[in-house]
Amino acid sequence: MKYIVTFILFVAVTVSISAQTPEKISYQAIIRATDNSLVVNSNVSIKIIIHQGTITGTTVYQETHNATTNAGGLVSLIIGNGSSLIGNFSQINWAQSSYFIETQVDVTGGTNYNVIGASQLLSVPYALHAKTATSITGPNPYKAAIISFTASRNLASSDINNTVACTSTATLTLPYGFSSMAIGDTINLEAHNGATLTVKAETGVTLNYTNGSSAQYVSTTGTVRFGLLRKTGTNAYIISGQ
């Protein structure tokens, strides 16, 4: 079957650091066609590119993977375990700069890659760099506070750079002119144990480039859905993981 190569992507990035696997990033993406249908049970080729400084900055690492989507359109892989084309993943100096990850996919399993998404790596560089630290003094500056979210409300300054944990179905509204959140600031989003978290942009505010748009994280009993909200402009946000 031939697919039109436009996709909806979410990235769930975690770090696995241990004596056996010291420098890896667990990566997941849900791949959809332009009609919003899932690309299911399909062999796909994925190219991962890590840029330094900006999304179009120097390529410090590039690798490819052959993977298979599941019945939900989900593909999982480990960055650092692919076939390296450029650079050495273990030699990336995460403390030196900010880094961005670009994802390209060929749904036929070939090498005709198309860009489907790009986002900044936020917590990963710190976690990987931690293994080189000689000492740590004082509290961990990268530990996010957990903000309980059980009733609908507007985005608040206390949410910024923290984790909003939704345990009862509610809506988080992105208000027009919310200046407390700086461009580049982020918020971790979680929906727990059957709760649905809706993130709604007011008129005049764009969410994933659409004015007044909304996104939902729908959890089921015993599960957690999670994602990331980042401010990209005065009244503009991007969101992933929904």
Protein backbone atom coordinates (compact mmCIF):
# COMPACT_ATOMS: atom_id res chain seq x y z
CA MET A 1 0.00 0.00 0.00
CA LYS A 2 1.31 3.46 -0.87
CA TYR A 3 1.07 6.19 1.74
CA ILE A 4 1.18 9.94 1.38
CA VAL A 5 4.20 10.80 3.44
CA THR A 6 2.82 13.38 5.85
CA PHE A 7 2.73 12.28 9.46
CA ILE A 8 1.70 13.17 12.96
CA LEU A 9 4.51 12.45 15.40
CA PHE A 10 4.98 12.26 19.11
CA VAL A 11 8.26 11.61 20.82
CA ALA A 12 8.55 10.03 24.23
CA VAL A 13 12.16 10.36 25.26
CA THR A 14 13.63 8.73 28.32
CA VAL A 15 17.21 8.02 29.26
CA SER A 16 18.59 4.62 30.14
CA ILE A 17 21.85 4.87 32.05
CA SER A 18 23.37 1.79 33.61
CA ALA A 19 26.60 -0.14 33.69
CA GLN A 20 25.42 -2.25 30.77
CA THR A 21 23.84 0.45 28.54
CA PRO A 22 25.42 3.79 29.45
CA GLU A 23 24.30 6.11 26.68
CA LYS A 24 20.97 5.42 25.01
CA ILE A 25 17.70 7.24 24.40
CA SER A 26 14.42 5.31 24.27
CA TYR A 27 12.31 6.72 21.45
CA GLN A 28 8.71 6.16 20.40
CA ALA A 29 6.69 7.65 17.57
CA ILE A 30 3.12 7.21 16.38
CA ILE A 31 2.92 7.48 12.59
CA ARG A 32 -0.26 8.56 10.82
CA ALA A 33 -1.13 9.18 7.17
CA THR A 34 -2.63 12.46 5.97
CA ASP A 35 -6.15 11.10 6.48
CA ASN A 36 -5.22 10.60 10.16
CA SER A 37 -5.24 6.82 9.78
CA LEU A 38 -2.55 4.89 11.61
CA VAL A 39 0.28 3.29 9.67
CA VAL A 40 -0.08 -0.11 11.35
CA ASN A 41 1.88 -3.35 11.27
CA SER A 42 4.24 -1.94 8.66
CA ASN A 43 7.99 -2.21 8.14
CA VAL A 44 9.41 1.30 8.09
CA SER A 45 12.85 2.87 7.85
CA ILE A 46 13.68 5.66 10.28
CA LYS A 47 16.56 8.12 10.18
CA ILE A 48 17.46 9.98 13.38
CA ILE A 49 19.51 13.19 13.10
CA ILE A 50 20.81 15.16 16.10
CA HIS A 51 21.60 18.83 15.44
CA GLN A 52 23.65 21.10 17.69
CA GLY A 53 22.56 24.63 18.61
CA THR A 54 19.44 24.95 16.44
CA ILE A 55 17.07 22.71 14.52
CA THR A 56 19.11 23.44 11.38
CA GLY A 57 22.45 23.42 13.17
CA THR A 58 25.46 21.19 12.67
CA THR A 59 24.65 17.48 12.44
CA VAL A 60 26.63 15.82 15.22
CA TYR A 61 25.05 12.40 14.90
CA GLN A 62 22.96 10.47 12.40
CA GLU A 63 21.75 6.88 12.37
CA THR A 64 19.15 4.68 10.68
CA HIS A 65 16.81 1.97 11.96
CA ASN A 66 14.58 -0.65 10.40
CA ALA A 67 11.49 -1.01 12.58
CA THR A 68 7.90 -2.26 12.54
CA THR A 69 4.86 -0.30 13.68
CA ASN A 70 2.40 -2.13 15.91
CA ALA A 71 -1.39 -2.29 15.68
CA GLY A 72 -1.56 1.19 17.18
CA GLY A 73 0.88 2.72 14.69
CA LEU A 74 3.55 2.90 17.38
CA VAL A 75 7.21 2.33 16.58
CA SER A 76 9.87 1.98 19.29
CA LEU A 77 13.63 2.11 19.00
CA ILE A 78 16.78 2.97 20.94
CA ILE A 79 18.79 5.95 19.72
CA GLY A 80 22.42 4.95 19.92
CA ASN A 81 21.74 1.39 18.75
CA GLY A 82 21.10 2.16 15.09
CA SER A 83 23.40 2.01 12.07
CA SER A 84 25.58 5.08 12.50
CA LEU A 85 26.06 7.31 9.44
CA ILE A 86 27.63 10.39 11.04
CA GLY A 87 29.39 10.81 14.38
CA ASN A 88 29.56 8.72 17.54
CA PHE A 89 26.61 8.94 19.93
CA SER A 90 28.75 8.21 22.99
CA GLN A 91 31.03 11.16 22.18
CA ILE A 92 28.34 13.86 22.06
CA ASN A 93 29.18 16.57 24.60
CA TRP A 94 25.71 17.22 26.01
CA ALA A 95 27.01 19.99 28.29
CA GLN A 96 28.39 22.00 25.39
CA SER A 97 25.18 23.16 23.74
CA SER A 98 21.47 22.62 23.20
CA TYR A 99 20.53 19.76 20.89
CA PHE A 100 17.62 19.04 18.56
CA ILE A 101 16.36 15.74 17.16
CA GLU A 102 15.04 15.42 13.61
CA THR A 103 13.09 12.34 12.51
CA GLN A 104 12.77 11.12 8.94
CA VAL A 105 10.75 8.09 7.81
CA ASP A 106 10.23 5.94 4.72
CA VAL A 107 7.03 3.93 5.28
CA THR A 108 8.02 1.47 2.56
CA GLY A 109 11.13 0.41 4.46
CA GLY A 110 13.45 1.93 1.85
CA THR A 111 15.73 4.96 1.84
CA ASN A 112 13.38 7.61 0.43
CA TYR A 113 13.14 9.47 3.73
CA ASN A 114 10.74 12.31 4.48
CA VAL A 115 10.99 14.66 7.45
CA ILE A 116 8.10 14.04 9.88
CA GLY A 117 9.14 15.96 12.97
CA ALA A 118 11.76 17.87 14.90
CA SER A 119 12.00 18.90 18.54
CA GLN A 120 14.50 20.01 21.14
CA LEU A 121 16.05 17.48 23.47
CA LEU A 122 15.46 18.99 26.87
CA SER A 123 16.22 16.74 29.86
CA VAL A 124 18.28 14.17 27.97
CA PRO A 125 21.56 16.13 27.78
CA TYR A 126 21.54 16.75 31.52
CA ALA A 127 20.87 13.12 32.36
CA LEU A 128 23.59 11.84 30.05
CA HIS A 129 26.04 14.51 31.20
CA ALA A 130 25.43 13.64 34.85
CA LYS A 131 27.65 10.57 34.59
CA THR A 132 30.67 12.85 33.96
CA ALA A 133 30.07 15.16 36.92
CA THR A 134 32.71 14.96 39.64
CA SER A 135 30.42 16.35 42.34
CA ILE A 136 26.99 17.86 42.82
CA THR A 137 26.38 20.52 45.47
CA GLY A 138 22.94 21.64 46.61
CA PRO A 139 19.51 20.66 45.24
CA ASN A 140 19.09 19.25 41.75
CA PRO A 141 18.17 22.30 39.59
CA TYR A 142 16.49 20.11 36.96
CA LYS A 143 13.93 18.42 39.22
CA ALA A 144 10.43 19.47 38.20
CA ALA A 145 7.74 20.06 40.81
CA ILE A 146 4.55 18.00 40.50
CA ILE A 147 1.50 20.26 40.11
CA SER A 148 -1.77 18.49 40.93
CA PHE A 149 -4.43 19.24 38.31
CA THR A 150 -8.00 18.19 39.12
CA ALA A 151 -10.15 21.10 37.90
CA SER A 152 -10.21 23.19 34.72
CA ARG A 153 -8.25 26.43 34.82
CA ASN A 154 -5.91 28.70 32.88
CA LEU A 155 -2.20 28.07 32.58
CA ALA A 156 -0.41 29.47 35.64
CA SER A 157 3.12 30.70 36.28
CA SER A 158 3.60 27.88 38.79
CA ASP A 159 3.19 25.34 35.95
CA ILE A 160 6.22 26.61 34.05
CA ASN A 161 9.10 24.12 33.80
CA ASN A 162 7.20 21.74 36.09
CA THR A 163 4.91 18.72 35.67
CA VAL A 164 1.12 19.14 35.50
CA ALA A 165 -0.32 15.82 36.70
CA CYS A 166 -4.00 15.48 35.74
CA THR A 167 -5.82 12.93 37.91
CA SER A 168 -9.38 14.07 37.17
CA THR A 169 -10.72 15.00 33.72
CA ALA A 170 -10.18 18.73 33.20
CA THR A 171 -9.10 21.39 30.69
CA LEU A 172 -5.94 23.50 30.82
CA THR A 173 -6.46 26.71 28.84
CA LEU A 174 -3.63 28.63 27.17
CA PRO A 175 -4.66 32.28 27.64
CA TYR A 176 -3.93 35.08 25.19
CA GLY A 177 -1.03 37.30 26.24
CA PHE A 178 0.36 34.95 28.92
CA SER A 179 3.70 36.71 29.41
CA SER A 180 4.83 34.81 32.51
CA MET A 181 5.96 31.93 30.29
CA ALA A 182 9.02 32.80 28.23
CA ILE A 183 9.67 31.49 24.74
CA GLY A 184 11.46 28.17 25.14
CA ASP A 185 9.91 27.39 28.53
CA THR A 186 8.29 23.97 28.80
CA ILE A 187 5.68 22.11 30.85
CA ASN A 188 5.49 18.34 31.29
CA LEU A 189 1.94 17.02 30.94
CA GLU A 190 0.50 13.83 32.44
CA ALA A 191 -2.97 12.24 32.42
CA HIS A 192 -3.40 9.49 35.03
CA ASN A 193 -5.56 6.43 35.57
CA GLY A 194 -8.58 7.17 33.38
CA ALA A 195 -8.40 10.96 33.43
CA THR A 196 -8.52 13.02 30.24
CA LEU A 197 -6.38 16.15 30.06
CA THR A 198 -7.45 18.67 27.42
CA VAL A 199 -5.11 21.52 26.50
CA LYS A 200 -7.08 24.32 24.81
CA ALA A 201 -5.72 27.47 23.16
CA GLU A 202 -7.80 30.64 23.40
CA THR A 203 -8.65 32.58 20.26
CA GLY A 204 -5.51 34.36 19.13
CA VAL A 205 -3.27 31.63 20.52
CA THR A 206 -1.88 28.91 18.26
CA LEU A 207 -1.30 25.32 19.35
CA ASN A 208 0.74 23.29 16.87
CA TYR A 209 0.38 26.19 14.41
CA THR A 210 -3.44 26.24 14.52
CA ASN A 211 -5.34 29.16 16.04
CA GLY A 212 -7.59 28.17 18.94
CA SER A 213 -6.68 24.50 18.61
CA SER A 214 -6.81 21.86 21.33
CA ALA A 215 -5.12 18.56 22.18
CA GLN A 216 -6.10 15.69 24.47
CA TYR A 217 -4.30 13.12 26.58
CA VAL A 218 -6.72 10.26 27.22
CA SER A 219 -5.55 7.77 29.83
CA THR A 220 -7.18 4.50 30.77
CA THR A 221 -7.37 2.79 34.14
CA GLY A 222 -3.91 1.83 35.30
CA THR A 223 -2.08 3.86 32.63
CA VAL A 224 -0.46 7.28 32.25
CA ARG A 225 -0.33 9.41 29.08
CA PHE A 226 2.36 12.02 28.96
CA GLY A 227 3.68 14.77 26.72
CA LEU A 228 5.35 18.15 26.53
CA LEU A 229 4.16 21.72 25.97
CA ARG A 230 6.67 24.33 24.79
CA LYS A 231 6.19 28.03 24.11
CA THR A 232 7.49 29.06 20.69
CA GLY A 233 6.17 32.60 20.33
CA THR A 234 4.32 35.39 22.14
CA ASN A 235 1.02 33.55 21.65
CA ALA A 236 2.25 30.28 20.16
CA TYR A 237 2.84 26.81 21.60
CA ILE A 238 3.69 23.35 20.37
CA ILE A 239 2.61 20.14 22.06
CA SER A 240 3.57 16.47 21.68
CA GLY A 241 2.54 13.09 23.02
CA GLN A 242 -1.22 13.40 22.61
